[in-house]
Protein backbone atom coordinates (compact mmCIF):
# COMPACT_ATOMS: atom_id res chain seq x y z
CA MET A 1 76.85 153.46 89.92
CA THR A 2 78.01 156.99 90.61
CA GLU A 3 77.87 159.75 88.01
CA PRO A 4 80.86 159.25 85.66
CA SER A 5 83.59 161.88 85.74
CA LYS A 6 83.43 164.65 83.15
CA LEU A 7 86.91 163.52 82.18
CA ILE A 8 85.42 160.31 80.73
CA ASN A 9 84.24 160.59 77.14
CA ILE A 10 81.76 157.81 76.32
CA SER A 11 81.35 157.10 72.62
CA LEU A 12 77.97 157.38 70.93
CA GLU A 13 78.09 153.65 70.16
CA ILE A 14 78.41 152.80 73.85
CA LEU A 15 75.74 155.30 74.90
CA ARG A 16 73.30 153.85 72.36
CA ALA A 17 74.09 150.30 73.47
CA GLN A 18 73.40 151.28 77.08
CA GLN A 19 70.11 152.94 76.14
CA LYS A 20 68.96 149.84 74.23
CA GLY A 21 70.21 147.35 76.80
CA VAL A 22 72.68 145.81 74.35
CA PRO A 23 75.41 143.83 76.16
CA ILE A 24 78.79 145.56 76.34
CA VAL A 25 82.28 144.15 76.90
CA ALA A 26 85.13 146.35 78.12
CA LEU A 27 88.57 145.86 76.61
CA GLU A 28 91.93 147.06 77.92
CA SER A 29 94.40 149.00 75.79
CA THR A 30 97.78 148.30 77.40
CA VAL A 31 97.95 145.26 75.15
CA ILE A 32 97.81 147.74 72.24
CA THR A 33 100.33 150.25 73.60
CA HIS A 34 102.77 148.03 75.50
CA GLY A 35 101.88 144.36 75.11
CA LEU A 36 102.23 143.60 71.40
CA PRO A 37 104.51 144.69 68.56
CA ARG A 38 103.24 146.52 65.49
CA PRO A 39 101.24 145.73 63.40
CA GLN A 40 99.91 142.82 65.51
CA ASN A 41 98.70 145.26 68.17
CA LEU A 42 96.24 147.01 65.85
CA ILE A 43 95.14 143.83 64.09
CA LEU A 44 94.45 142.20 67.47
CA ALA A 45 92.46 145.20 68.72
CA GLN A 46 90.33 145.17 65.58
CA ASP A 47 89.86 141.39 65.75
CA MET A 48 88.74 141.45 69.38
CA GLU A 49 86.20 144.18 68.68
CA GLN A 50 84.86 142.27 65.68
CA ILE A 51 84.56 139.03 67.63
CA ILE A 52 82.47 140.80 70.26
CA ARG A 53 80.25 142.33 67.58
CA ASP A 54 79.83 138.91 65.96
CA GLU A 55 78.45 137.74 69.32
CA ASN A 56 75.83 140.53 69.21
CA ALA A 57 77.54 142.61 71.85
CA THR A 58 79.30 145.98 71.75
CA PRO A 59 83.04 146.38 72.41
CA ALA A 60 84.22 149.24 74.62
CA THR A 61 87.97 149.64 74.30
CA ILE A 62 89.14 152.01 77.03
CA ALA A 63 92.17 154.30 76.75
CA VAL A 64 93.33 157.84 77.42
CA MET A 65 93.19 160.08 74.34
CA ASP A 66 93.60 163.84 73.94
CA GLY A 67 93.49 164.62 77.65
CA LYS A 68 90.38 162.55 78.38
CA ILE A 69 89.54 158.95 79.18
CA GLN A 70 87.91 157.42 76.12
CA ALA A 71 85.38 154.61 76.55
CA GLY A 72 84.63 153.11 73.16
CA MET A 73 86.94 154.02 70.30
CA THR A 74 86.59 154.74 66.60
CA SER A 75 88.78 152.95 64.07
CA THR A 76 90.81 156.15 63.67
CA GLN A 77 91.40 156.39 67.43
CA LEU A 78 92.50 152.74 67.57
CA GLU A 79 94.99 153.35 64.77
CA ARG A 80 96.38 156.45 66.50
CA LEU A 81 96.78 154.60 69.77
CA ALA A 82 98.41 151.57 68.13
CA ASN A 83 100.96 153.78 66.38
CA SER A 84 101.70 156.10 69.31
CA ASP A 85 105.35 156.32 70.34
CA ASP A 86 104.84 158.05 73.69
CA ALA A 87 101.87 156.25 75.27
CA VAL A 88 101.73 155.94 79.06
CA LYS A 89 100.93 152.65 80.74
CA VAL A 90 97.88 153.62 82.80
CA SER A 91 97.05 151.83 86.03
CA LEU A 92 95.10 153.49 88.85
CA ARG A 93 97.86 155.87 89.91
CA ASP A 94 98.57 156.98 86.32
CA PHE A 95 95.28 158.42 85.07
CA ALA A 96 96.02 161.97 86.20
CA THR A 97 99.52 161.77 84.72
CA SER A 98 98.23 160.77 81.32
CA VAL A 99 95.25 163.14 81.32
CA THR A 100 97.15 166.23 82.48
CA SER A 101 100.13 165.61 80.19
CA GLY A 102 97.94 165.09 77.16
CA ARG A 103 99.83 161.91 76.32
CA PRO A 104 97.87 158.88 75.12
CA GLY A 105 97.55 156.04 77.59
CA GLY A 106 96.90 152.33 77.44
CA THR A 107 94.82 151.15 80.39
CA THR A 108 95.86 148.07 82.37
CA VAL A 109 93.50 145.49 83.85
CA ALA A 110 93.08 147.65 86.96
CA GLY A 111 92.65 150.87 85.00
CA THR A 112 90.11 149.35 82.64
CA MET A 113 88.10 147.79 85.47
CA PHE A 114 87.96 151.13 87.28
CA ILE A 115 86.58 153.03 84.28
CA ALA A 116 84.26 150.24 83.14
CA HIS A 117 82.63 150.07 86.57
CA GLN A 118 82.22 153.86 86.69
CA ILE A 119 80.24 153.86 83.44
CA GLY A 120 78.13 150.79 84.17
CA ILE A 121 79.92 148.08 82.16
CA ASN A 122 80.08 144.82 84.12
CA VAL A 123 81.99 142.43 81.82
CA PHE A 124 85.65 142.80 80.85
CA ALA A 125 87.92 140.63 78.69
CA THR A 126 91.70 140.56 78.97
CA GLY A 127 94.59 138.19 78.36
CA GLY A 128 96.23 137.47 81.69
CA ILE A 129 95.96 139.42 84.93
CA GLY A 130 98.98 140.86 86.71
CA GLY A 131 100.08 139.40 90.01
CA VAL A 132 103.02 138.80 92.32
CA HIS A 133 106.37 138.90 90.53
CA LYS A 134 108.94 136.13 90.90
CA GLU A 135 111.87 138.50 90.98
CA ALA A 136 110.61 140.64 93.88
CA HIS A 137 107.71 139.46 96.04
CA MET A 138 106.84 143.01 97.04
CA ASP A 139 106.33 143.82 93.35
CA ILE A 140 102.58 143.19 93.31
CA SER A 141 100.36 144.33 90.46
CA THR A 142 97.61 146.84 91.16
CA ASP A 143 95.40 144.42 89.23
CA LEU A 144 95.07 142.32 92.38
CA GLN A 145 93.88 145.23 94.49
CA ALA A 146 91.38 146.18 91.78
CA LEU A 147 90.08 142.63 91.59
CA SER A 148 89.47 142.69 95.33
CA SER A 149 87.41 145.89 95.26
CA ILE A 150 85.68 146.39 91.89
CA PRO A 151 82.57 144.22 91.24
CA ILE A 152 82.93 143.24 87.61
CA LEU A 153 83.12 139.95 85.71
CA VAL A 154 86.68 139.53 84.39
CA VAL A 155 87.53 136.93 81.74
CA CYS A 156 91.20 135.95 81.47
CA ALA A 157 93.57 133.06 80.76
CA GLY A 158 94.82 133.05 84.33
CA ALA A 159 97.77 135.18 85.35
CA LYS A 160 100.75 135.84 83.11
CA SER A 161 103.00 132.80 83.47
CA ILE A 162 106.08 134.96 84.08
CA LEU A 163 104.64 135.62 87.56
CA ASN A 164 104.70 133.76 90.87
CA LEU A 165 101.40 131.97 90.31
CA PRO A 166 100.99 130.29 93.74
CA ALA A 167 101.59 133.64 95.49
CA THR A 168 99.18 135.36 93.12
CA LEU A 169 96.44 132.84 93.92
CA GLU A 170 97.14 133.17 97.65
CA TYR A 171 96.70 136.93 97.37
CA LEU A 172 93.39 136.51 95.53
CA GLU A 173 92.17 134.07 98.20
CA THR A 174 93.19 136.44 100.99
CA MET A 175 91.27 139.28 99.33
CA GLY A 176 88.16 137.15 98.81
CA VAL A 177 88.25 137.02 95.01
CA PRO A 178 86.54 133.91 93.59
CA VAL A 179 88.57 132.26 90.85
CA ILE A 180 86.33 130.33 88.47
CA GLY A 181 87.73 127.71 86.14
CA TYR A 182 85.71 127.75 82.93
CA ARG A 183 85.53 124.09 81.87
CA THR A 184 88.64 123.38 83.91
CA ASP A 185 89.53 122.44 87.49
CA LYS A 186 93.02 123.95 87.26
CA PHE A 187 94.23 127.54 87.18
CA PRO A 188 95.33 128.27 83.59
CA GLU A 189 98.91 129.43 83.21
CA PHE A 190 98.48 131.84 80.30
CA TYR A 191 100.31 129.94 77.53
CA SER A 192 99.43 126.52 78.98
CA ALA A 193 96.32 124.95 80.48
CA GLY A 194 97.84 124.55 83.94
CA LYS A 195 98.11 121.31 85.86
CA ASP A 196 98.98 121.93 89.53
CA LEU A 197 97.08 124.92 90.91
CA PRO A 198 93.34 124.52 91.62
CA VAL A 199 90.64 127.10 91.02
CA SER A 200 88.08 127.82 93.72
CA VAL A 201 85.10 126.56 91.67
CA ARG A 202 84.42 125.19 88.19
CA PHE A 203 81.55 125.98 85.83
CA ASP A 204 80.89 124.77 82.30
CA THR A 205 78.27 127.19 80.91
CA PRO A 206 77.82 130.96 80.74
CA GLU A 207 74.54 130.63 82.63
CA GLU A 208 76.25 128.97 85.61
CA VAL A 209 78.94 131.64 85.72
CA VAL A 210 76.44 134.50 85.57
CA LYS A 211 74.25 132.91 88.28
CA PHE A 212 77.31 132.65 90.51
CA ALA A 213 78.36 136.27 89.85
CA ARG A 214 74.88 137.61 90.55
CA THR A 215 74.73 135.64 93.81
CA HIS A 216 78.18 136.89 94.84
CA TRP A 217 77.19 140.53 94.36
CA GLU A 218 73.67 140.18 95.74
CA LEU A 219 75.23 138.99 98.99
CA GLY A 220 76.91 142.38 99.22
CA LEU A 221 80.41 141.22 98.28
CA LYS A 222 82.39 143.86 96.39
CA SER A 223 85.13 141.93 94.63
CA ALA A 224 85.37 141.00 91.00
CA VAL A 225 84.53 137.51 89.82
CA LEU A 226 87.55 136.18 87.95
CA VAL A 227 86.79 133.66 85.20
CA CYS A 228 89.79 131.75 83.86
CA GLN A 229 89.62 130.06 80.48
CA PRO A 230 92.55 127.95 79.26
CA LEU A 231 93.74 127.99 75.67
CA PRO A 232 92.55 125.02 73.58
CA ALA A 233 95.09 122.20 73.67
CA ASN A 234 96.02 122.60 70.00
CA LEU A 235 97.04 126.24 70.59
CA ALA A 236 98.61 125.99 74.04
CA ILE A 237 102.31 125.65 74.85
CA SER A 238 103.04 123.00 77.45
CA ALA A 239 104.41 124.09 80.81
CA GLU A 240 107.47 121.91 80.23
CA GLU A 241 108.25 123.57 76.89
CA ILE A 242 107.78 127.17 78.04
CA ALA A 243 109.50 126.79 81.45
CA PRO A 244 113.15 127.27 80.35
CA TYR A 245 112.25 130.37 78.36
CA LEU A 246 110.38 131.87 81.30
CA GLU A 247 113.36 131.14 83.55
CA GLN A 248 115.80 132.75 81.13
CA ALA A 249 113.64 135.87 80.78
CA SER A 250 113.30 136.09 84.55
CA ASP A 251 117.05 135.80 85.06
CA GLU A 252 117.62 138.58 82.55
CA VAL A 253 115.10 140.80 84.34
CA ILE A 254 116.83 140.27 87.69
CA LYS A 255 120.12 141.39 86.19
CA LEU A 256 118.56 144.39 84.48
CA GLN A 257 116.86 145.41 87.73
CA LYS A 258 120.14 145.16 89.64
CA ASP A 259 121.73 147.38 87.02
CA HIS A 260 118.76 149.80 87.32
CA LYS A 261 118.00 149.43 83.62
CA ILE A 262 114.35 148.50 84.05
CA THR A 263 111.91 149.03 86.93
CA GLY A 264 108.25 148.75 87.84
CA GLN A 265 105.89 148.86 84.88
CA GLN A 266 108.69 148.07 82.42
CA VAL A 267 109.19 144.56 83.76
CA THR A 268 106.17 142.70 82.38
CA PRO A 269 106.36 144.10 78.80
CA TYR A 270 110.07 143.28 78.69
CA GLU A 271 109.58 139.71 79.88
CA LEU A 272 106.70 139.01 77.49
CA LEU A 273 108.70 140.36 74.55
CA ARG A 274 111.76 138.34 75.55
CA VAL A 275 109.74 135.12 75.85
CA SER A 276 108.31 135.78 72.38
CA GLU A 277 111.83 136.17 71.01
CA LEU A 278 113.06 133.01 72.72
CA THR A 279 110.10 130.94 71.43
CA GLN A 280 110.51 132.40 67.93
CA GLY A 281 107.04 133.92 68.05
CA LYS A 282 105.20 130.85 69.32
CA SER A 283 104.26 132.51 72.60
CA LEU A 284 103.06 135.61 70.73
CA ALA A 285 100.74 133.49 68.59
CA ALA A 286 99.34 131.83 71.72
CA ASN A 287 98.87 135.25 73.34
CA LEU A 288 96.88 136.51 70.36
CA GLU A 289 94.62 133.46 70.35
CA LEU A 290 93.86 133.54 74.07
CA LEU A 291 92.93 137.22 73.85
CA LYS A 292 90.45 136.50 71.06
CA ASN A 293 89.04 133.46 72.87
CA ASN A 294 88.47 135.52 75.99
CA ALA A 295 86.72 138.28 74.04
CA ARG A 296 84.31 135.73 72.60
CA LEU A 297 83.53 134.17 75.98
CA ALA A 298 83.10 137.59 77.65
CA ALA A 299 80.54 138.55 75.00
CA GLN A 300 78.60 135.38 75.79
CA PHE A 301 78.64 136.22 79.49
CA ALA A 302 77.50 139.77 78.72
CA GLN A 303 74.59 138.40 76.70
CA VAL A 304 73.40 136.25 79.60
CA LEU A 305 74.03 138.91 82.23
CA SER A 306 72.06 141.55 80.32
CA GLY A 307 69.24 139.23 79.33
CA PHE A 308 69.42 140.79 75.86
CA LYS A 309 69.22 137.48 74.02
CA SER A 310 65.99 136.50 75.80
CA ARG A 311 64.46 139.92 75.08
CA GLN A 312 65.33 139.52 71.39
CA LYS A 313 63.47 136.21 71.27
CA ALA A 314 60.43 137.78 72.91
CA LEU A 315 60.15 140.50 70.24
């Protein structure tokens, strides 16, 4: 790990956790600034942090605040971010924009991975990764490039189902990113468990996943290890039920893009919001649950990866 930039402010809680060897889980903040409506965005952020603490790990929500990158946030900072009206969506290209403008920023999967790796955090929980868009195949999320080049364990529910999932998986394969199915042989499709697309390998315990990740990195490979956990069946929305809503939202996006009303980073937030409206909030409820499930699993991975639990037993 290189020396972190002086533009990164690491909270005292995270510094103390690192000194004591307490496991840490990084969390993104775009879900707070762009992914969820108020007040669900703040409640979700607080819930995810609490779930990680309940698993004897430390949450490190990453964002841009007051002209610096903040790793680990106070309750006051979370509230400010959740209620900000001018937050920037921060992927890799956007850090300097947010920092120099002084505007708050919510970090994407790619942005969060980049900062987490710089400060020595090796487990990250998110909802769904970005990928290749259906509407324009050259619209490819920076998340995929980050996954190919940043060695960190990423826990997700697959890719957002509004995307071109086969093309997204092809890109990950091309870039050498292992896609682990956690207790599943199929690639989860965000709201649903997935039924057609295979993962590259399946594991059923945190210990197996961590052993695989360590082996991957010890071999000198530099990519992330992507762990995909489906929603429990009682919370998931079937692919058949969600499909027409996804198609309608996609059609609307194509028209809005042709009319130059939305572009680039506006596309995914718009589609997710529109699907939530079309499903009368059912997709939003599923989104909230998968985020919390992933935070819990990531904390379990962090425990095993750090060896903290075994050291506690030895004391």
